[in-house]
C-alpha atoms as a PDB file:
ATOM      1  CA  MET A   1      23.364   6.536  -3.366  1.00  0.00           C
ATOM      2  CA  ALA A   2      23.970   8.547  -6.523  1.00  0.00           C
ATOM      3  CA  VAL A   3      26.751   7.418  -8.841  1.00  0.00           C
ATOM      4  CA  LEU A   4      29.467  10.067  -9.005  1.00  0.00           C
ATOM      5  CA  VAL A   5      30.391  11.498 -12.381  1.00  0.00           C
ATOM      6  CA  PRO A   6      34.056  12.476 -12.808  1.00  0.00           C
ATOM      7  CA  GLU A   7      34.849  16.146 -13.296  1.00  0.00           C
ATOM      8  CA  LEU A   8      36.556  16.578 -16.657  1.00  0.00           C
ATOM      9  CA  ALA A   9      39.655  18.734 -16.564  1.00  0.00           C
ATOM     10  CA  PRO A  10      39.950  21.501 -19.175  1.00  0.00           C
ATOM     11  CA  LEU A  11      41.960  20.477 -22.229  1.00  0.00           C
ATOM     12  CA  THR A  12      44.683  22.406 -23.997  1.00  0.00           C
ATOM     13  CA  PRO A  13      44.201  22.963 -27.754  1.00  0.00           C
ATOM     14  CA  GLY A  14      46.727  20.183 -28.458  1.00  0.00           C
ATOM     15  CA  ALA A  15      44.992  17.791 -26.090  1.00  0.00           C
ATOM     16  CA  THR A  16      41.648  18.615 -27.690  1.00  0.00           C
ATOM     17  CA  ARG A  17      43.010  17.756 -31.129  1.00  0.00           C
ATOM     18  CA  VAL A  18      44.420  14.483 -29.804  1.00  0.00           C
ATOM     19  CA  LEU A  19      41.164  13.567 -28.071  1.00  0.00           C
ATOM     20  CA  ASP A  20      39.027  14.476 -31.096  1.00  0.00           C
ATOM     21  CA  ALA A  21      41.210  12.385 -33.411  1.00  0.00           C
ATOM     22  CA  ALA A  22      41.404   9.476 -30.967  1.00  0.00           C
ATOM     23  CA  SER A  23      37.640   9.520 -30.357  1.00  0.00           C
ATOM     24  CA  GLN A  24      36.859   9.234 -34.043  1.00  0.00           C
ATOM     25  CA  LEU A  25      39.493   6.575 -34.688  1.00  0.00           C
ATOM     26  CA  PHE A  26      38.726   4.481 -31.598  1.00  0.00           C
ATOM     27  CA  TYR A  27      35.013   4.437 -32.343  1.00  0.00           C
ATOM     28  CA  GLU A  28      35.304   3.771 -36.074  1.00  0.00           C
ATOM     29  CA  ARG A  29      38.231   1.324 -36.108  1.00  0.00           C
ATOM     30  CA  GLY A  30      38.519  -0.025 -32.570  1.00  0.00           C
ATOM     31  CA  ILE A  31      40.963   0.616 -29.750  1.00  0.00           C
ATOM     32  CA  HIS A  32      43.469  -2.124 -30.552  1.00  0.00           C
ATOM     33  CA  ALA A  33      43.507  -1.297 -34.261  1.00  0.00           C
ATOM     34  CA  VAL A  34      44.612   2.293 -33.659  1.00  0.00           C
ATOM     35  CA  GLY A  35      48.114   3.096 -32.458  1.00  0.00           C
ATOM     36  CA  VAL A  36      49.436   6.302 -30.949  1.00  0.00           C
ATOM     37  CA  ASP A  37      51.356   7.074 -34.170  1.00  0.00           C
ATOM     38  CA  THR A  38      48.082   7.104 -36.121  1.00  0.00           C
ATOM     39  CA  ILE A  39      46.371   9.283 -33.506  1.00  0.00           C
ATOM     40  CA  ALA A  40      49.247  11.767 -33.355  1.00  0.00           C
ATOM     41  CA  GLU A  41      49.358  12.034 -37.142  1.00  0.00           C
ATOM     42  CA  ALA A  42      45.583  12.539 -37.409  1.00  0.00           C
ATOM     43  CA  ALA A  43      45.728  15.200 -34.674  1.00  0.00           C
ATOM     44  CA  GLY A  44      48.695  16.985 -36.240  1.00  0.00           C
ATOM     45  CA  VAL A  45      50.817  16.654 -33.094  1.00  0.00           C
ATOM     46  CA  THR A  46      53.890  14.706 -32.059  1.00  0.00           C
ATOM     47  CA  LYS A  47      53.738  11.508 -30.023  1.00  0.00           C
ATOM     48  CA  LYS A  48      55.474  13.450 -27.278  1.00  0.00           C
ATOM     49  CA  THR A  49      52.546  15.883 -27.151  1.00  0.00           C
ATOM     50  CA  LEU A  50      50.122  12.971 -26.920  1.00  0.00           C
ATOM     51  CA  TYR A  51      52.016  11.409 -24.025  1.00  0.00           C
ATOM     52  CA  ASP A  52      52.583  14.784 -22.333  1.00  0.00           C
ATOM     53  CA  ARG A  53      48.845  15.486 -22.352  1.00  0.00           C
ATOM     54  CA  PHE A  54      47.471  12.015 -21.534  1.00  0.00           C
ATOM     55  CA  GLY A  55      50.339   9.945 -20.142  1.00  0.00           C
ATOM     56  CA  SER A  56      49.444   6.698 -21.890  1.00  0.00           C
ATOM     57  CA  LYS A  57      47.184   5.202 -24.518  1.00  0.00           C
ATOM     58  CA  GLU A  58      45.101   3.624 -21.726  1.00  0.00           C
ATOM     59  CA  ALA A  59      44.505   7.037 -20.133  1.00  0.00           C
ATOM     60  CA  LEU A  60      43.552   8.416 -23.554  1.00  0.00           C
ATOM     61  CA  VAL A  61      41.008   5.601 -23.980  1.00  0.00           C
ATOM     62  CA  VAL A  62      39.462   6.436 -20.598  1.00  0.00           C
ATOM     63  CA  SER A  63      39.335  10.133 -21.527  1.00  0.00           C
ATOM     64  CA  TYR A  64      37.647   9.220 -24.827  1.00  0.00           C
ATOM     65  CA  LEU A  65      34.995   7.234 -22.953  1.00  0.00           C
ATOM     66  CA  GLN A  66      34.479   9.950 -20.346  1.00  0.00           C
ATOM     67  CA  HIS A  67      34.055  12.713 -22.920  1.00  0.00           C
ATOM     68  CA  ARG A  68      31.624  10.664 -25.016  1.00  0.00           C
ATOM     69  CA  ASP A  69      29.671   9.939 -21.849  1.00  0.00           C
ATOM     70  CA  ALA A  70      29.592  13.644 -20.958  1.00  0.00           C
ATOM     71  CA  LYS A  71      28.120  14.433 -24.398  1.00  0.00           C
ATOM     72  CA  TRP A  72      25.526  11.680 -23.972  1.00  0.00           C
ATOM     73  CA  ARG A  73      24.537  12.966 -20.514  1.00  0.00           C
ATOM     74  CA  ALA A  74      24.102  16.502 -21.897  1.00  0.00           C
ATOM     75  CA  HIS A  75      21.989  15.099 -24.732  1.00  0.00           C
ATOM     76  CA  LEU A  76      19.873  13.140 -22.248  1.00  0.00           C
ATOM     77  CA  ASP A  77      19.462  16.189 -20.000  1.00  0.00           C
ATOM     78  CA  GLY A  78      18.025  18.076 -22.951  1.00  0.00           C
ATOM     79  CA  HIS A  79      15.391  15.398 -23.525  1.00  0.00           C
ATOM     80  CA  LEU A  80      14.508  15.153 -19.836  1.00  0.00           C
ATOM     81  CA  ALA A  81      14.112  18.930 -19.676  1.00  0.00           C
ATOM     82  CA  ARG A  82      11.326  18.649 -22.278  1.00  0.00           C
ATOM     83  CA  VAL A  83       9.362  16.328 -19.975  1.00  0.00           C
ATOM     84  CA  PRO A  84       9.670  17.993 -16.549  1.00  0.00           C
ATOM     85  CA  GLU A  85       6.699  16.277 -14.886  1.00  0.00           C
ATOM     86  CA  PRO A  86       7.323  12.862 -13.256  1.00  0.00           C
ATOM     87  CA  GLY A  87       5.613   9.945 -14.948  1.00  0.00           C
ATOM     88  CA  PRO A  88       5.970   7.319 -17.670  1.00  0.00           C
ATOM     89  CA  GLU A  89       6.792   9.840 -20.417  1.00  0.00           C
ATOM     90  CA  ARG A  90       9.774  11.091 -18.433  1.00  0.00           C
ATOM     91  CA  VAL A  91      11.128   7.542 -18.143  1.00  0.00           C
ATOM     92  CA  LEU A  92      10.533   7.034 -21.860  1.00  0.00           C
ATOM     93  CA  ALA A  93      12.448  10.247 -22.576  1.00  0.00           C
ATOM     94  CA  VAL A  94      15.632   8.209 -21.996  1.00  0.00           C
ATOM     95  CA  PHE A  95      14.688   6.041 -24.974  1.00  0.00           C
ATOM     96  CA  ASP A  96      13.758   9.128 -27.008  1.00  0.00           C
ATOM     97  CA  ALA A  97      17.206  10.555 -26.286  1.00  0.00           C
ATOM     98  CA  ALA A  98      18.833   7.270 -27.288  1.00  0.00           C
ATOM     99  CA  ILE A  99      16.919   7.193 -30.591  1.00  0.00           C
ATOM    100  CA  THR A 100      18.258  10.595 -31.659  1.00  0.00           C
ATOM    101  CA  TRP A 101      21.721   9.931 -30.207  1.00  0.00           C
ATOM    102  CA  SER A 102      22.323   6.523 -31.789  1.00  0.00           C
ATOM    103  CA  ASP A 103      21.646   7.631 -35.353  1.00  0.00           C
ATOM    104  CA  GLU A 104      24.238  10.389 -35.240  1.00  0.00           C
ATOM    105  CA  TYR A 105      26.758   9.318 -32.614  1.00  0.00           C
ATOM    106  CA  SER A 106      26.493   5.557 -32.071  1.00  0.00           C
ATOM    107  CA  PRO A 107      25.843   3.713 -35.351  1.00  0.00           C
ATOM    108  CA  LYS A 108      28.277   1.009 -34.193  1.00  0.00           C
ATOM    109  CA  GLY A 109      26.629   0.631 -30.788  1.00  0.00           C
ATOM    110  CA  CYS A 110      27.813   1.678 -27.347  1.00  0.00           C
ATOM    111  CA  SER A 111      31.406   2.889 -27.129  1.00  0.00           C
ATOM    112  CA  ALA A 112      31.669   1.664 -23.526  1.00  0.00           C
ATOM    113  CA  ILE A 113      30.441  -1.846 -24.355  1.00  0.00           C
ATOM    114  CA  ASN A 114      32.684  -1.974 -27.419  1.00  0.00           C
ATOM    115  CA  ALA A 115      35.700  -0.902 -25.361  1.00  0.00           C
ATOM    116  CA  ARG A 116      34.923  -3.459 -22.654  1.00  0.00           C
ATOM    117  CA  ALA A 117      34.629  -6.205 -25.273  1.00  0.00           C
ATOM    118  CA  GLU A 118      37.929  -5.217 -26.865  1.00  0.00           C
ATOM    119  CA  ILE A 119      39.888  -5.250 -23.625  1.00  0.00           C
ATOM    120  CA  GLY A 120      38.657  -8.751 -22.783  1.00  0.00           C
ATOM    121  CA  ASP A 121      38.964 -10.668 -19.526  1.00  0.00           C
ATOM    122  CA  GLY A 122      42.734 -10.933 -19.467  1.00  0.00           C
ATOM    123  CA  HIS A 123      43.259  -7.322 -18.360  1.00  0.00           C
ATOM    124  CA  ASP A 124      41.279  -7.074 -15.119  1.00  0.00           C
ATOM    125  CA  GLY A 125      43.325  -4.111 -13.906  1.00  0.00           C
ATOM    126  CA  HIS A 126      42.729  -2.071 -17.068  1.00  0.00           C
ATOM    127  CA  PRO A 127      41.365   1.428 -16.274  1.00  0.00           C
ATOM    128  CA  VAL A 128      38.597   0.967 -18.868  1.00  0.00           C
ATOM    129  CA  PHE A 129      36.771  -1.476 -16.582  1.00  0.00           C
ATOM    130  CA  PRO A 130      35.847   0.899 -13.745  1.00  0.00           C
ATOM    131  CA  GLU A 131      34.912   3.648 -16.219  1.00  0.00           C
ATOM    132  CA  VAL A 132      32.546   1.394 -18.168  1.00  0.00           C
ATOM    133  CA  ALA A 133      31.042   0.041 -14.927  1.00  0.00           C
ATOM    134  CA  ARG A 134      30.528   3.604 -13.673  1.00  0.00           C
ATOM    135  CA  GLN A 135      28.740   4.673 -16.842  1.00  0.00           C
ATOM    136  CA  LYS A 136      26.335   1.745 -16.699  1.00  0.00           C
ATOM    137  CA  ALA A 137      25.723   2.176 -12.949  1.00  0.00           C
ATOM    138  CA  TRP A 138      24.993   5.864 -13.567  1.00  0.00           C
ATOM    139  CA  LEU A 139      22.332   5.107 -16.183  1.00  0.00           C
ATOM    140  CA  LEU A 140      20.721   2.464 -13.967  1.00  0.00           C
ATOM    141  CA  ASP A 141      20.641   5.081 -11.201  1.00  0.00           C
ATOM    142  CA  VAL A 142      18.939   7.540 -13.575  1.00  0.00           C
ATOM    143  CA  PHE A 143      16.294   4.962 -14.482  1.00  0.00           C
ATOM    144  CA  ALA A 144      15.733   4.168 -10.800  1.00  0.00           C
ATOM    145  CA  GLY A 145      15.279   7.843  -9.946  1.00  0.00           C
ATOM    146  CA  LEU A 146      12.843   8.386 -12.803  1.00  0.00           C
ATOM    147  CA  CYS A 147      10.839   5.263 -11.915  1.00  0.00           C
ATOM    148  CA  ARG A 148      10.749   6.347  -8.254  1.00  0.00           C
ATOM    149  CA  GLU A 149       9.523   9.826  -9.248  1.00  0.00           C
ATOM    150  CA  ALA A 150       6.854   8.220 -11.428  1.00  0.00           C
ATOM    151  CA  GLY A 151       5.492   6.368  -8.395  1.00  0.00           C
ATOM    152  CA  ALA A 152       6.684   2.817  -9.046  1.00  0.00           C
ATOM    153  CA  SER A 153       6.225   0.546  -6.027  1.00  0.00           C
ATOM    154  CA  ASP A 154       9.481  -1.284  -6.838  1.00  0.00           C
ATOM    155  CA  ALA A 155      11.503   1.364  -8.641  1.00  0.00           C
ATOM    156  CA  ASN A 156      14.749  -0.618  -8.560  1.00  0.00           C
ATOM    157  CA  SER A 157      13.284  -3.701 -10.281  1.00  0.00           C
ATOM    158  CA  LEU A 158      11.500  -1.547 -12.852  1.00  0.00           C
ATOM    159  CA  ALA A 159      14.748   0.364 -13.480  1.00  0.00           C
ATOM    160  CA  GLN A 160      16.562  -2.918 -14.054  1.00  0.00           C
ATOM    161  CA  ALA A 161      13.935  -3.890 -16.636  1.00  0.00           C
ATOM    162  CA  MET A 162      14.321  -0.505 -18.357  1.00  0.00           C
ATOM    163  CA  MET A 163      18.096  -0.961 -18.349  1.00  0.00           C
ATOM    164  CA  LEU A 164      17.811  -4.396 -19.948  1.00  0.00           C
ATOM    165  CA  LEU A 165      15.644  -2.965 -22.718  1.00  0.00           C
ATOM    166  CA  TYR A 166      18.047  -0.062 -23.220  1.00  0.00           C
ATOM    167  CA  GLU A 167      21.187  -2.217 -23.248  1.00  0.00           C
ATOM    168  CA  GLY A 168      19.595  -4.782 -25.544  1.00  0.00           C
ATOM    169  CA  ALA A 169      18.646  -2.012 -27.952  1.00  0.00           C
ATOM    170  CA  ILE A 170      22.090  -0.426 -28.059  1.00  0.00           C
ATOM    171  CA  VAL A 171      23.771  -3.777 -28.681  1.00  0.00           C
ATOM    172  CA  THR A 172      21.245  -4.447 -31.451  1.00  0.00           C
ATOM    173  CA  VAL A 173      22.125  -1.078 -33.019  1.00  0.00           C
ATOM    174  CA  GLY A 174      25.757  -2.156 -33.241  1.00  0.00           C
ATOM    175  CA  MET A 175      24.939  -5.656 -34.498  1.00  0.00           C
ATOM    176  CA  GLU A 176      22.301  -4.388 -36.977  1.00  0.00           C
ATOM    177  CA  THR A 177      20.123  -7.398 -36.098  1.00  0.00           C
ATOM    178  CA  PHE A 178      16.955  -5.509 -36.980  1.00  0.00           C
ATOM    179  CA  ALA A 179      15.905  -1.941 -37.700  1.00  0.00           C
ATOM    180  CA  GLU A 180      14.957   0.668 -35.081  1.00  0.00           C
ATOM    181  CA  PRO A 181      15.733  -1.326 -31.920  1.00  0.00           C
ATOM    182  CA  PHE A 182      15.323   1.677 -29.628  1.00  0.00           C
ATOM    183  CA  GLU A 183      11.844   2.291 -31.016  1.00  0.00           C
ATOM    184  CA  VAL A 184      10.987  -1.348 -30.237  1.00  0.00           C
ATOM    185  CA  ALA A 185      12.499  -1.031 -26.748  1.00  0.00           C
ATOM    186  CA  ARG A 186      10.534   2.177 -26.147  1.00  0.00           C
ATOM    187  CA  ARG A 187       7.234   0.510 -27.056  1.00  0.00           C
ATOM    188  CA  LEU A 188       7.943  -2.407 -24.721  1.00  0.00           C
ATOM    189  CA  ALA A 189       9.054  -0.039 -21.967  1.00  0.00           C
ATOM    190  CA  GLY A 190       5.827   1.936 -22.400  1.00  0.00           C
ATOM    191  CA  ARG A 191       3.706  -1.190 -21.980  1.00  0.00           C
ATOM    192  CA  MET A 192       5.672  -2.238 -18.917  1.00  0.00           C
ATOM    193  CA  LEU A 193       5.328   1.213 -17.350  1.00  0.00           C
ATOM    194  CA  GLU A 194       1.616   1.250 -18.057  1.00  0.00           C
ATOM    195  CA  LEU A 195       1.191  -2.064 -16.220  1.00  0.00           C
ATOM    196  CA  GLU A 196       3.450  -1.083 -13.310  1.00  0.00           C
ATOM    197  CA  LEU A 197       2.147   2.445 -12.747  1.00  0.00           C
ATOM    198  CA  ARG A 198      -1.609   2.087 -13.173  1.00  0.00           C
END
């Protein structure tokens, strides 16, 4: 069953300014480190405007994650469109998309993982949790579909392996453990696909 992607409501100009400011601040400084006063000031709006448009800081965080995810999905779609034929190269296109995305948009790693880590285990009802889980389930579903199209006999297991390589790489980007982790993950994924699909 395909993972549903939420439809993003159109934003007013004020809401767009708030979201743009919040997105930059949340990603660069962290969610807890940034208050609504700082966001409102950076956006050039009042706190009232912020609350009128988003309702709460928690809802603004979810909107930030959803809009970043929408940009990532559009970026990924562009890479997949360049490799229309099913096969290993189409699966590897996910890693190619991640390589170009992470340099420009995710030098500190995955915004969803970072948000999940910041919220911690003491806030199980926080709206960030289902949004992060949805994003990761969606990508696993994409990998599974691509592996199935490529002819994998066990597409779900192969997709899980691809996901582990992807997630390990994006965490390594944020931790700066070593250079070019997505390139390393892509090479390993290529070898695995070669073994599984021959």
